[in-house]
PDB file of N, CA and C in Angstrom:
ATOM      1  N   MET A   1      23.721-128.936  31.327  1.00  0.00           N
ATOM      2  CA  MET A   1      22.443-128.199  31.133  1.00  0.00           C
ATOM      3  C   MET A   1      21.800-128.592  29.816  1.00  0.00           C
ATOM      4  N   TYR A   2      20.648-128.352  29.737  1.00  0.00           N
ATOM      5  CA  TYR A   2      19.841-128.754  28.484  1.00  0.00           C
ATOM      6  C   TYR A   2      20.010-127.651  27.352  1.00  0.00           C
ATOM      7  N   LYS A   3      19.966-128.213  26.138  1.00  0.00           N
ATOM      8  CA  LYS A   3      19.964-127.409  24.947  1.00  0.00           C
ATOM      9  C   LYS A   3      18.559-127.510  24.446  1.00  0.00           C
ATOM     10  N   ILE A   4      18.056-126.351  24.148  1.00  0.00           N
ATOM     11  CA  ILE A   4      16.430-126.217  23.713  1.00  0.00           C
ATOM     12  C   ILE A   4      16.541-125.477  22.370  1.00  0.00           C
ATOM     13  N   LEU A   5      15.893-126.153  21.415  1.00  0.00           N
ATOM     14  CA  LEU A   5      15.755-125.572  19.980  1.00  0.00           C
ATOM     15  C   LEU A   5      14.337-124.977  19.971  1.00  0.00           C
ATOM     16  N   LEU A   6      14.282-123.527  19.796  1.00  0.00           N
ATOM     17  CA  LEU A   6      13.148-122.786  19.723  1.00  0.00           C
ATOM     18  C   LEU A   6      12.842-122.570  18.196  1.00  0.00           C
ATOM     19  N   VAL A   7      11.666-123.029  17.688  1.00  0.00           N
ATOM     20  CA  VAL A   7      11.328-122.721  16.291  1.00  0.00           C
ATOM     21  C   VAL A   7      10.009-122.044  16.061  1.00  0.00           C
ATOM     22  N   ASP A   8       9.999-120.875  15.669  1.00  0.00           N
ATOM     23  CA  ASP A   8       8.755-120.178  15.340  1.00  0.00           C
ATOM     24  C   ASP A   8       9.177-118.976  14.271  1.00  0.00           C
ATOM     25  N   ASP A   9       8.200-118.869  13.371  1.00  0.00           N
ATOM     26  CA  ASP A   9       8.586-117.691  12.409  1.00  0.00           C
ATOM     27  C   ASP A   9       8.476-116.267  12.975  1.00  0.00           C
ATOM     28  N   ALA A  10       7.937-116.168  14.003  1.00  0.00           N
ATOM     29  CA  ALA A  10       7.780-114.880  14.704  1.00  0.00           C
ATOM     30  C   ALA A  10       8.947-114.761  15.778  1.00  0.00           C
ATOM     31  N   GLY A  11       9.780-113.873  15.430  1.00  0.00           N
ATOM     32  CA  GLY A  11      10.895-113.681  16.450  1.00  0.00           C
ATOM     33  C   GLY A  11      10.524-113.301  17.741  1.00  0.00           C
ATOM     34  N   PHE A  12       9.555-112.537  18.006  1.00  0.00           N
ATOM     35  CA  PHE A  12       8.983-112.180  19.198  1.00  0.00           C
ATOM     36  C   PHE A  12       8.567-113.307  20.064  1.00  0.00           C
ATOM     37  N   MET A  13       7.949-114.306  19.331  1.00  0.00           N
ATOM     38  CA  MET A  13       7.474-115.492  20.105  1.00  0.00           C
ATOM     39  C   MET A  13       8.730-116.431  20.666  1.00  0.00           C
ATOM     40  N   ARG A  14       9.727-116.459  19.969  1.00  0.00           N
ATOM     41  CA  ARG A  14      10.994-117.141  20.279  1.00  0.00           C
ATOM     42  C   ARG A  14      11.565-116.475  21.469  1.00  0.00           C
ATOM     43  N   MET A  15      11.566-115.104  21.336  1.00  0.00           N
ATOM     44  CA  MET A  15      12.140-114.312  22.446  1.00  0.00           C
ATOM     45  C   MET A  15      11.251-114.273  23.767  1.00  0.00           C
ATOM     46  N   MET A  16       9.983-114.441  23.644  1.00  0.00           N
ATOM     47  CA  MET A  16       9.141-114.536  24.853  1.00  0.00           C
ATOM     48  C   MET A  16       9.312-115.947  25.474  1.00  0.00           C
ATOM     49  N   ILE A  17       9.380-116.825  24.825  1.00  0.00           N
ATOM     50  CA  ILE A  17       9.619-118.208  25.248  1.00  0.00           C
ATOM     51  C   ILE A  17      10.909-118.327  26.031  1.00  0.00           C
ATOM     52  N   LYS A  18      11.975-117.871  25.174  1.00  0.00           N
ATOM     53  CA  LYS A  18      13.361-117.806  25.726  1.00  0.00           C
ATOM     54  C   LYS A  18      13.310-117.086  27.146  1.00  0.00           C
ATOM     55  N   ASN A  19      12.768-115.993  27.193  1.00  0.00           N
ATOM     56  CA  ASN A  19      12.658-115.130  28.396  1.00  0.00           C
ATOM     57  C   ASN A  19      12.057-115.934  29.563  1.00  0.00           C
ATOM     58  N   TYR A  20      10.926-116.600  29.184  1.00  0.00           N
ATOM     59  CA  TYR A  20      10.340-117.478  30.224  1.00  0.00           C
ATOM     60  C   TYR A  20      11.196-118.447  30.900  1.00  0.00           C
ATOM     61  N   LEU A  21      11.771-119.148  29.877  1.00  0.00           N
ATOM     62  CA  LEU A  21      12.532-120.262  30.227  1.00  0.00           C
ATOM     63  C   LEU A  21      13.918-119.989  31.038  1.00  0.00           C
ATOM     64  N   THR A  22      14.369-118.739  30.519  1.00  0.00           N
ATOM     65  CA  THR A  22      15.631-118.244  31.089  1.00  0.00           C
ATOM     66  C   THR A  22      15.330-117.887  32.673  1.00  0.00           C
ATOM     67  N   LYS A  23      14.245-117.373  32.911  1.00  0.00           N
ATOM     68  CA  LYS A  23      13.835-117.064  34.306  1.00  0.00           C
ATOM     69  C   LYS A  23      13.693-118.384  35.041  1.00  0.00           C
ATOM     70  N   ALA A  24      13.381-119.453  34.430  1.00  0.00           N
ATOM     71  CA  ALA A  24      13.146-120.892  35.063  1.00  0.00           C
ATOM     72  C   ALA A  24      14.383-121.411  35.183  1.00  0.00           C
ATOM     73  N   GLY A  25      15.411-120.911  34.722  1.00  0.00           N
ATOM     74  CA  GLY A  25      16.924-121.598  34.961  1.00  0.00           C
ATOM     75  C   GLY A  25      17.496-122.305  33.644  1.00  0.00           C
ATOM     76  N   TYR A  26      16.872-122.362  32.533  1.00  0.00           N
ATOM     77  CA  TYR A  26      17.439-122.819  31.338  1.00  0.00           C
ATOM     78  C   TYR A  26      18.127-121.720  30.630  1.00  0.00           C
ATOM     79  N   THR A  27      19.362-122.060  30.077  1.00  0.00           N
ATOM     80  CA  THR A  27      20.213-121.016  29.522  1.00  0.00           C
ATOM     81  C   THR A  27      20.742-121.297  28.240  1.00  0.00           C
ATOM     82  N   ASP A  28      20.563-122.494  27.636  1.00  0.00           N
ATOM     83  CA  ASP A  28      21.214-122.755  26.261  1.00  0.00           C
ATOM     84  C   ASP A  28      20.136-122.964  25.215  1.00  0.00           C
ATOM     85  N   PHE A  29      20.012-121.866  24.367  1.00  0.00           N
ATOM     86  CA  PHE A  29      18.956-122.053  23.306  1.00  0.00           C
ATOM     87  C   PHE A  29      19.607-121.955  21.811  1.00  0.00           C
ATOM     88  N   VAL A  30      18.881-122.490  20.993  1.00  0.00           N
ATOM     89  CA  VAL A  30      19.163-122.349  19.579  1.00  0.00           C
ATOM     90  C   VAL A  30      17.827-121.920  18.946  1.00  0.00           C
ATOM     91  N   GLU A  31      17.894-121.004  18.013  1.00  0.00           N
ATOM     92  CA  GLU A  31      16.653-120.458  17.396  1.00  0.00           C
ATOM     93  C   GLU A  31      16.672-120.910  15.890  1.00  0.00           C
ATOM     94  N   GLY A  32      15.462-121.124  15.336  1.00  0.00           N
ATOM     95  CA  GLY A  32      15.130-121.375  14.016  1.00  0.00           C
ATOM     96  C   GLY A  32      13.875-120.678  13.608  1.00  0.00           C
ATOM     97  N   GLU A  33      13.687-120.309  12.333  1.00  0.00           N
ATOM     98  CA  GLU A  33      12.451-119.502  11.952  1.00  0.00           C
ATOM     99  C   GLU A  33      11.601-120.267  11.159  1.00  0.00           C
ATOM    100  N   ASP A  34      11.883-121.419  10.696  1.00  0.00           N
ATOM    101  CA  ASP A  34      10.898-122.290   9.953  1.00  0.00           C
ATOM    102  C   ASP A  34      11.224-123.794  10.159  1.00  0.00           C
ATOM    103  N   GLY A  35      10.424-124.670   9.635  1.00  0.00           N
ATOM    104  CA  GLY A  35      10.582-126.108   9.723  1.00  0.00           C
ATOM    105  C   GLY A  35      11.753-126.665   9.114  1.00  0.00           C
ATOM    106  N   GLN A  36      12.158-126.058   7.952  1.00  0.00           N
ATOM    107  CA  GLN A  36      13.374-126.592   7.264  1.00  0.00           C
ATOM    108  C   GLN A  36      14.533-126.182   8.175  1.00  0.00           C
ATOM    109  N   ARG A  37      14.632-125.070   8.683  1.00  0.00           N
ATOM    110  CA  ARG A  37      15.683-124.710   9.603  1.00  0.00           C
ATOM    111  C   ARG A  37      15.756-125.491  10.844  1.00  0.00           C
ATOM    112  N   ALA A  38      14.516-125.924  11.270  1.00  0.00           N
ATOM    113  CA  ALA A  38      14.427-126.710  12.598  1.00  0.00           C
ATOM    114  C   ALA A  38      15.053-128.070  12.271  1.00  0.00           C
ATOM    115  N   VAL A  39      14.937-128.707  11.169  1.00  0.00           N
ATOM    116  CA  VAL A  39      15.445-129.991  10.827  1.00  0.00           C
ATOM    117  C   VAL A  39      16.982-129.942  10.593  1.00  0.00           C
ATOM    118  N   GLU A  40      17.472-128.737  10.022  1.00  0.00           N
ATOM    119  CA  GLU A  40      18.889-128.514   9.807  1.00  0.00           C
ATOM    120  C   GLU A  40      19.634-128.365  11.203  1.00  0.00           C
ATOM    121  N   LEU A  41      18.909-127.482  12.123  1.00  0.00           N
ATOM    122  CA  LEU A  41      19.421-127.159  13.454  1.00  0.00           C
ATOM    123  C   LEU A  41      19.238-128.454  14.274  1.00  0.00           C
ATOM    124  N   TYR A  42      18.344-129.268  14.224  1.00  0.00           N
ATOM    125  CA  TYR A  42      18.299-130.481  15.075  1.00  0.00           C
ATOM    126  C   TYR A  42      19.427-131.442  14.627  1.00  0.00           C
ATOM    127  N   GLN A  43      19.796-131.511  13.474  1.00  0.00           N
ATOM    128  CA  GLN A  43      20.846-132.399  12.985  1.00  0.00           C
ATOM    129  C   GLN A  43      22.296-131.881  13.523  1.00  0.00           C
ATOM    130  N   GLN A  44      22.443-130.487  13.462  1.00  0.00           N
ATOM    131  CA  GLN A  44      23.661-129.787  13.774  1.00  0.00           C
ATOM    132  C   GLN A  44      23.902-129.711  15.247  1.00  0.00           C
ATOM    133  N   GLU A  45      22.820-129.439  15.967  1.00  0.00           N
ATOM    134  CA  GLU A  45      22.938-129.094  17.391  1.00  0.00           C
ATOM    135  C   GLU A  45      22.442-130.168  18.266  1.00  0.00           C
ATOM    136  N   LYS A  46      21.845-131.096  17.949  1.00  0.00           N
ATOM    137  CA  LYS A  46      21.404-132.316  18.765  1.00  0.00           C
ATOM    138  C   LYS A  46      20.715-131.803  20.161  1.00  0.00           C
ATOM    139  N   PRO A  47      19.600-130.933  19.913  1.00  0.00           N
ATOM    140  CA  PRO A  47      19.125-130.361  21.222  1.00  0.00           C
ATOM    141  C   PRO A  47      18.333-131.460  22.024  1.00  0.00           C
ATOM    142  N   ASP A  48      18.168-130.997  23.337  1.00  0.00           N
ATOM    143  CA  ASP A  48      17.519-132.051  24.321  1.00  0.00           C
ATOM    144  C   ASP A  48      15.922-131.903  24.137  1.00  0.00           C
ATOM    145  N   LEU A  49      15.581-130.716  23.558  1.00  0.00           N
ATOM    146  CA  LEU A  49      14.092-130.425  23.410  1.00  0.00           C
ATOM    147  C   LEU A  49      13.947-129.470  22.231  1.00  0.00           C
ATOM    148  N   VAL A  50      12.887-129.847  21.508  1.00  0.00           N
ATOM    149  CA  VAL A  50      12.403-128.859  20.472  1.00  0.00           C
ATOM    150  C   VAL A  50      11.081-128.286  20.809  1.00  0.00           C
ATOM    151  N   ILE A  51      10.931-126.962  20.948  1.00  0.00           N
ATOM    152  CA  ILE A  51       9.615-126.283  21.054  1.00  0.00           C
ATOM    153  C   ILE A  51       9.405-125.597  19.732  1.00  0.00           C
ATOM    154  N   MET A  52       8.300-126.055  19.000  1.00  0.00           N
ATOM    155  CA  MET A  52       8.009-125.632  17.604  1.00  0.00           C
ATOM    156  C   MET A  52       6.555-125.282  17.283  1.00  0.00           C
ATOM    157  N   ASP A  53       6.592-124.240  16.495  1.00  0.00           N
ATOM    158  CA  ASP A  53       5.177-123.870  16.078  1.00  0.00           C
ATOM    159  C   ASP A  53       4.640-124.754  15.070  1.00  0.00           C
ATOM    160  N   ILE A  54       3.340-124.888  14.966  1.00  0.00           N
ATOM    161  CA  ILE A  54       2.751-125.735  13.878  1.00  0.00           C
ATOM    162  C   ILE A  54       2.770-125.081  12.511  1.00  0.00           C
ATOM    163  N   THR A  55       2.325-123.758  12.610  1.00  0.00           N
ATOM    164  CA  THR A  55       2.159-123.046  11.342  1.00  0.00           C
ATOM    165  C   THR A  55       3.386-122.180  11.159  1.00  0.00           C
ATOM    166  N   MET A  56       4.165-122.514  10.099  1.00  0.00           N
ATOM    167  CA  MET A  56       5.316-121.834   9.648  1.00  0.00           C
ATOM    168  C   MET A  56       5.462-121.814   8.097  1.00  0.00           C
ATOM    169  N   PRO A  57       6.314-120.906   7.466  1.00  0.00           N
ATOM    170  CA  PRO A  57       6.582-121.066   6.139  1.00  0.00           C
ATOM    171  C   PRO A  57       7.620-122.219   5.714  1.00  0.00           C
ATOM    172  N   ASN A  58       7.652-122.400   4.442  1.00  0.00           N
ATOM    173  CA  ASN A  58       8.616-123.461   3.919  1.00  0.00           C
ATOM    174  C   ASN A  58       8.316-124.825   4.306  1.00  0.00           C
ATOM    175  N   LEU A  59       8.467-125.132   5.576  1.00  0.00           N
ATOM    176  CA  LEU A  59       7.999-126.554   6.073  1.00  0.00           C
ATOM    177  C   LEU A  59       7.318-126.218   7.399  1.00  0.00           C
ATOM    178  N   ASP A  60       6.020-126.707   7.511  1.00  0.00           N
ATOM    179  CA  ASP A  60       5.259-126.393   8.750  1.00  0.00           C
ATOM    180  C   ASP A  60       5.855-127.300   9.708  1.00  0.00           C
ATOM    181  N   GLY A  61       5.238-127.145  11.060  1.00  0.00           N
ATOM    182  CA  GLY A  61       5.785-127.906  12.147  1.00  0.00           C
ATOM    183  C   GLY A  61       5.396-129.387  12.039  1.00  0.00           C
ATOM    184  N   ILE A  62       4.299-129.787  11.431  1.00  0.00           N
ATOM    185  CA  ILE A  62       4.141-131.256  11.225  1.00  0.00           C
ATOM    186  C   ILE A  62       5.134-131.871  10.423  1.00  0.00           C
ATOM    187  N   GLY A  63       5.451-131.163   9.297  1.00  0.00           N
ATOM    188  CA  GLY A  63       6.408-131.772   8.357  1.00  0.00           C
ATOM    189  C   GLY A  63       7.769-131.795   8.984  1.00  0.00           C
ATOM    190  N   ALA A  64       8.208-130.782   9.841  1.00  0.00           N
ATOM    191  CA  ALA A  64       9.425-130.792  10.583  1.00  0.00           C
ATOM    192  C   ALA A  64       9.526-131.833  11.427  1.00  0.00           C
ATOM    193  N   LEU A  65       8.362-132.035  12.211  1.00  0.00           N
ATOM    194  CA  LEU A  65       8.283-133.158  13.244  1.00  0.00           C
ATOM    195  C   LEU A  65       8.580-134.429  12.608  1.00  0.00           C
ATOM    196  N   LYS A  66       7.915-134.662  11.508  1.00  0.00           N
ATOM    197  CA  LYS A  66       8.245-136.012  10.861  1.00  0.00           C
ATOM    198  C   LYS A  66       9.641-136.185  10.555  1.00  0.00           C
ATOM    199  N   GLU A  67      10.219-135.118   9.886  1.00  0.00           N
ATOM    200  CA  GLU A  67      11.621-135.274   9.596  1.00  0.00           C
ATOM    201  C   GLU A  67      12.623-135.484  10.802  1.00  0.00           C
ATOM    202  N   ILE A  68      12.288-134.743  11.804  1.00  0.00           N
ATOM    203  CA  ILE A  68      13.125-134.909  13.065  1.00  0.00           C
ATOM    204  C   ILE A  68      13.021-136.243  13.637  1.00  0.00           C
ATOM    205  N   LYS A  69      11.871-136.776  13.570  1.00  0.00           N
ATOM    206  CA  LYS A  69      11.445-138.100  14.160  1.00  0.00           C
ATOM    207  C   LYS A  69      12.232-139.114  13.229  1.00  0.00           C
ATOM    208  N   LYS A  70      12.305-138.827  12.012  1.00  0.00           N
ATOM    209  CA  LYS A  70      13.259-139.807  11.084  1.00  0.00           C
ATOM    210  C   LYS A  70      14.660-139.807  11.529  1.00  0.00           C
ATOM    211  N   ILE A  71      15.107-138.528  11.794  1.00  0.00           N
ATOM    212  CA  ILE A  71      16.515-138.513  12.221  1.00  0.00           C
ATOM    213  C   ILE A  71      16.707-139.202  13.533  1.00  0.00           C
ATOM    214  N   ASP A  72      15.866-138.817  14.542  1.00  0.00           N
ATOM    215  CA  ASP A  72      15.970-139.368  15.911  1.00  0.00           C
ATOM    216  C   ASP A  72      14.608-139.723  16.388  1.00  0.00           C
ATOM    217  N   PRO A  73      14.181-141.025  16.344  1.00  0.00           N
ATOM    218  CA  PRO A  73      12.871-141.396  16.887  1.00  0.00           C
ATOM    219  C   PRO A  73      12.646-141.068  18.319  1.00  0.00           C
ATOM    220  N   GLY A  74      13.771-140.858  19.104  1.00  0.00           N
ATOM    221  CA  GLY A  74      13.507-140.418  20.507  1.00  0.00           C
ATOM    222  C   GLY A  74      13.466-138.958  20.708  1.00  0.00           C
ATOM    223  N   ALA A  75      13.438-138.210  19.754  1.00  0.00           N
ATOM    224  CA  ALA A  75      13.400-136.709  19.858  1.00  0.00           C
ATOM    225  C   ALA A  75      12.405-136.241  20.760  1.00  0.00           C
ATOM    226  N   LYS A  76      12.610-135.249  21.477  1.00  0.00           N
ATOM    227  CA  LYS A  76      11.563-134.656  22.449  1.00  0.00           C
ATOM    228  C   LYS A  76      11.128-133.403  21.753  1.00  0.00           C
ATOM    229  N   VAL A  77       9.904-133.352  21.363  1.00  0.00           N
ATOM    230  CA  VAL A  77       9.256-132.223  20.658  1.00  0.00           C
ATOM    231  C   VAL A  77       7.992-131.769  21.358  1.00  0.00           C
ATOM    232  N   VAL A  78       7.871-130.510  21.680  1.00  0.00           N
ATOM    233  CA  VAL A  78       6.667-129.890  22.232  1.00  0.00           C
ATOM    234  C   VAL A  78       6.232-128.890  21.121  1.00  0.00           C
ATOM    235  N   MET A  79       4.845-129.093  20.579  1.00  0.00           N
ATOM    236  CA  MET A  79       4.389-128.313  19.529  1.00  0.00           C
ATOM    237  C   MET A  79       3.543-127.026  20.139  1.00  0.00           C
ATOM    238  N   CYS A  80       3.632-125.912  19.396  1.00  0.00           N
ATOM    239  CA  CYS A  80       2.810-124.770  19.820  1.00  0.00           C
ATOM    240  C   CYS A  80       1.810-124.481  18.764  1.00  0.00           C
ATOM    241  N   SER A  81       0.609-124.269  19.140  1.00  0.00           N
ATOM    242  CA  SER A  81      -0.508-123.847  18.222  1.00  0.00           C
ATOM    243  C   SER A  81      -1.326-122.819  18.694  1.00  0.00           C
ATOM    244  N   ALA A  82      -2.107-122.299  17.617  1.00  0.00           N
ATOM    245  CA  ALA A  82      -2.919-121.220  17.960  1.00  0.00           C
ATOM    246  C   ALA A  82      -4.236-121.958  18.192  1.00  0.00           C
ATOM    247  N   MET A  83      -5.221-121.210  18.881  1.00  0.00           N
ATOM    248  CA  MET A  83      -6.500-121.867  19.104  1.00  0.00           C
ATOM    249  C   MET A  83      -7.174-122.285  17.742  1.00  0.00           C
ATOM    250  N   GLY A  84      -7.882-123.381  17.834  1.00  0.00           N
ATOM    251  CA  GLY A  84      -8.498-123.847  16.568  1.00  0.00           C
ATOM    252  C   GLY A  84      -7.763-124.695  15.771  1.00  0.00           C
ATOM    253  N   GLN A  85      -6.572-125.161  16.083  1.00  0.00           N
ATOM    254  CA  GLN A  85      -5.716-126.015  15.308  1.00  0.00           C
ATOM    255  C   GLN A  85      -5.816-127.476  15.992  1.00  0.00           C
ATOM    256  N   GLU A  86      -6.770-127.926  16.542  1.00  0.00           N
ATOM    257  CA  GLU A  86      -6.846-129.130  17.290  1.00  0.00           C
ATOM    258  C   GLU A  86      -6.575-130.243  16.385  1.00  0.00           C
ATOM    259  N   SER A  87      -7.064-130.274  15.140  1.00  0.00           N
ATOM    260  CA  SER A  87      -6.707-131.645  14.200  1.00  0.00           C
ATOM    261  C   SER A  87      -5.203-131.585  14.046  1.00  0.00           C
ATOM    262  N   MET A  88      -4.531-130.408  13.849  1.00  0.00           N
ATOM    263  CA  MET A  88      -2.987-130.439  13.722  1.00  0.00           C
ATOM    264  C   MET A  88      -2.347-130.922  14.887  1.00  0.00           C
ATOM    265  N   VAL A  89      -2.879-130.441  16.030  1.00  0.00           N
ATOM    266  CA  VAL A  89      -2.371-130.914  17.361  1.00  0.00           C
ATOM    267  C   VAL A  89      -2.486-132.382  17.447  1.00  0.00           C
ATOM    268  N   MET A  90      -3.662-132.903  17.148  1.00  0.00           N
ATOM    269  CA  MET A  90      -3.808-134.400  17.252  1.00  0.00           C
ATOM    270  C   MET A  90      -2.965-135.128  16.359  1.00  0.00           C
ATOM    271  N   GLU A  91      -2.732-134.688  15.210  1.00  0.00           N
ATOM    272  CA  GLU A  91      -1.749-135.155  14.343  1.00  0.00           C
ATOM    273  C   GLU A  91      -0.384-135.222  14.752  1.00  0.00           C
ATOM    274  N   ALA A  92       0.054-134.110  15.317  1.00  0.00           N
ATOM    275  CA  ALA A  92       1.451-133.926  16.055  1.00  0.00           C
ATOM    276  C   ALA A  92       1.737-134.961  17.128  1.00  0.00           C
ATOM    277  N   ILE A  93       0.607-135.020  17.922  1.00  0.00           N
ATOM    278  CA  ILE A  93       0.638-136.096  19.049  1.00  0.00           C
ATOM    279  C   ILE A  93       0.787-137.413  18.512  1.00  0.00           C
ATOM    280  N   THR A  94       0.060-137.822  17.422  1.00  0.00           N
ATOM    281  CA  THR A  94       0.098-139.100  16.871  1.00  0.00           C
ATOM    282  C   THR A  94       1.501-139.448  16.262  1.00  0.00           C
ATOM    283  N   LEU A  95       2.056-138.314  15.789  1.00  0.00           N
ATOM    284  CA  LEU A  95       3.467-138.500  14.981  1.00  0.00           C
ATOM    285  C   LEU A  95       4.454-138.460  16.069  1.00  0.00           C
ATOM    286  N   GLY A  96       4.254-138.386  17.433  1.00  0.00           N
ATOM    287  CA  GLY A  96       5.226-138.431  18.474  1.00  0.00           C
ATOM    288  C   GLY A  96       5.608-137.126  19.299  1.00  0.00           C
ATOM    289  N   ALA A  97       4.852-136.083  19.086  1.00  0.00           N
ATOM    290  CA  ALA A  97       5.071-134.903  19.939  1.00  0.00           C
ATOM    291  C   ALA A  97       4.695-135.206  21.303  1.00  0.00           C
ATOM    292  N   MET A  98       5.495-134.761  22.272  1.00  0.00           N
ATOM    293  CA  MET A  98       5.309-135.178  23.657  1.00  0.00           C
ATOM    294  C   MET A  98       4.136-134.267  24.276  1.00  0.00           C
ATOM    295  N   ASP A  99       3.953-133.102  23.907  1.00  0.00           N
ATOM    296  CA  ASP A  99       2.827-132.110  24.337  1.00  0.00           C
ATOM    297  C   ASP A  99       2.649-131.067  23.485  1.00  0.00           C
ATOM    298  N   PHE A 100       1.640-130.164  23.843  1.00  0.00           N
ATOM    299  CA  PHE A 100       1.594-129.019  22.985  1.00  0.00           C
ATOM    300  C   PHE A 100       1.133-127.867  23.865  1.00  0.00           C
ATOM    301  N   ILE A 101       1.428-126.741  23.472  1.00  0.00           N
ATOM    302  CA  ILE A 101       1.200-125.408  24.358  1.00  0.00           C
ATOM    303  C   ILE A 101       0.403-124.661  23.269  1.00  0.00           C
ATOM    304  N   VAL A 102      -0.845-123.972  23.778  1.00  0.00           N
ATOM    305  CA  VAL A 102      -1.709-123.091  23.158  1.00  0.00           C
ATOM    306  C   VAL A 102      -1.335-121.777  23.178  1.00  0.00           C
ATOM    307  N   LYS A 103      -1.395-121.039  22.051  1.00  0.00           N
ATOM    308  CA  LYS A 103      -1.074-119.585  22.102  1.00  0.00           C
ATOM    309  C   LYS A 103      -2.368-118.909  22.396  1.00  0.00           C
ATOM    310  N   PRO A 104      -2.450-117.777  23.121  1.00  0.00           N
ATOM    311  CA  PRO A 104      -1.216-117.114  23.563  1.00  0.00           C
ATOM    312  C   PRO A 104      -0.595-117.776  24.787  1.00  0.00           C
ATOM    313  N   PHE A 105       0.610-117.779  24.957  1.00  0.00           N
ATOM    314  CA  PHE A 105       1.273-118.613  25.987  1.00  0.00           C
ATOM    315  C   PHE A 105       1.147-118.010  27.267  1.00  0.00           C
ATOM    316  N   LYS A 106       1.051-118.846  28.304  1.00  0.00           N
ATOM    317  CA  LYS A 106       1.166-118.533  29.688  1.00  0.00           C
ATOM    318  C   LYS A 106       2.584-118.985  30.269  1.00  0.00           C
ATOM    319  N   GLN A 107       3.209-118.117  30.961  1.00  0.00           N
ATOM    320  CA  GLN A 107       4.565-118.461  31.292  1.00  0.00           C
ATOM    321  C   GLN A 107       4.614-119.766  32.186  1.00  0.00           C
ATOM    322  N   GLU A 108       3.606-119.947  33.078  1.00  0.00           N
ATOM    323  CA  GLU A 108       3.673-121.076  33.896  1.00  0.00           C
ATOM    324  C   GLU A 108       3.496-122.316  33.065  1.00  0.00           C
ATOM    325  N   ARG A 109       2.610-122.398  31.991  1.00  0.00           N
ATOM    326  CA  ARG A 109       2.354-123.470  31.261  1.00  0.00           C
ATOM    327  C   ARG A 109       3.704-123.895  30.479  1.00  0.00           C
ATOM    328  N   ILE A 110       4.350-122.928  29.884  1.00  0.00           N
ATOM    329  CA  ILE A 110       5.586-123.293  29.221  1.00  0.00           C
ATOM    330  C   ILE A 110       6.622-123.908  30.036  1.00  0.00           C
ATOM    331  N   VAL A 111       6.753-123.239  31.315  1.00  0.00           N
ATOM    332  CA  VAL A 111       7.817-123.709  32.320  1.00  0.00           C
ATOM    333  C   VAL A 111       7.462-125.141  32.663  1.00  0.00           C
ATOM    334  N   GLN A 112       6.261-125.296  33.102  1.00  0.00           N
ATOM    335  CA  GLN A 112       5.740-126.596  33.503  1.00  0.00           C
ATOM    336  C   GLN A 112       5.899-127.671  32.598  1.00  0.00           C
ATOM    337  N   THR A 113       5.616-127.339  31.239  1.00  0.00           N
ATOM    338  CA  THR A 113       5.720-128.423  30.123  1.00  0.00           C
ATOM    339  C   THR A 113       7.144-128.770  30.117  1.00  0.00           C
ATOM    340  N   VAL A 114       8.121-127.765  29.965  1.00  0.00           N
ATOM    341  CA  VAL A 114       9.544-128.049  29.734  1.00  0.00           C
ATOM    342  C   VAL A 114      10.047-128.792  30.941  1.00  0.00           C
ATOM    343  N   ASN A 115       9.656-128.502  32.220  1.00  0.00           N
ATOM    344  CA  ASN A 115      10.171-129.104  33.354  1.00  0.00           C
ATOM    345  C   ASN A 115       9.647-130.555  33.549  1.00  0.00           C
ATOM    346  N   LYS A 116       8.563-130.810  32.887  1.00  0.00           N
ATOM    347  CA  LYS A 116       8.062-132.284  32.740  1.00  0.00           C
ATOM    348  C   LYS A 116       8.780-133.095  31.914  1.00  0.00           C
ATOM    349  N   VAL A 117       9.386-132.513  30.732  1.00  0.00           N
ATOM    350  CA  VAL A 117      10.029-133.017  29.636  1.00  0.00           C
ATOM    351  C   VAL A 117      11.678-133.160  30.043  1.00  0.00           C
ATOM    352  N   LEU A 118      12.127-131.952  30.553  1.00  0.00           N
ATOM    353  CA  LEU A 118      13.549-131.913  31.013  1.00  0.00           C
ATOM    354  C   LEU A 118      13.557-131.504  32.495  1.00  0.00           C
ATOM    355  N   PRO A 119      13.575-132.371  33.346  1.00  0.00           N
ATOM    356  CA  PRO A 119      13.652-132.020  34.834  1.00  0.00           C
ATOM    357  C   PRO A 119      14.917-131.331  34.984  1.00  0.00           C
ATOM    358  N   LEU A 120      14.768-130.256  35.717  1.00  0.00           N
ATOM    359  CA  LEU A 120      15.973-129.462  36.278  1.00  0.00           C
ATOM    360  C   LEU A 120      16.685-130.032  37.353  1.00  0.00           C
TER     361      LEU A 120
END
């Protein structure tokens, strides 16, 4: 089974994504609250996929994406963004993010994106 790292400074957002993905059959999750923690957890846990917010304290999603890609150029990362963050989303894609999901999330969109990256 796949291990998914969820990174968002809002605990309820992590919980919502986890609930959606659990219903879709994914069961192994690791959670972090900022970009710095995302990098640490990526090294420790070696997840199959990272779903990460762009805007976070300490180290934002763009900075964390850069660090994770240095550790593992093949890392699978999907970014989450609020409306109006198009330039950051484009930067994330340029840096190697596989996809992005816009908040507020729709369950089908999250599941569809994860299934595309990690086929069940």
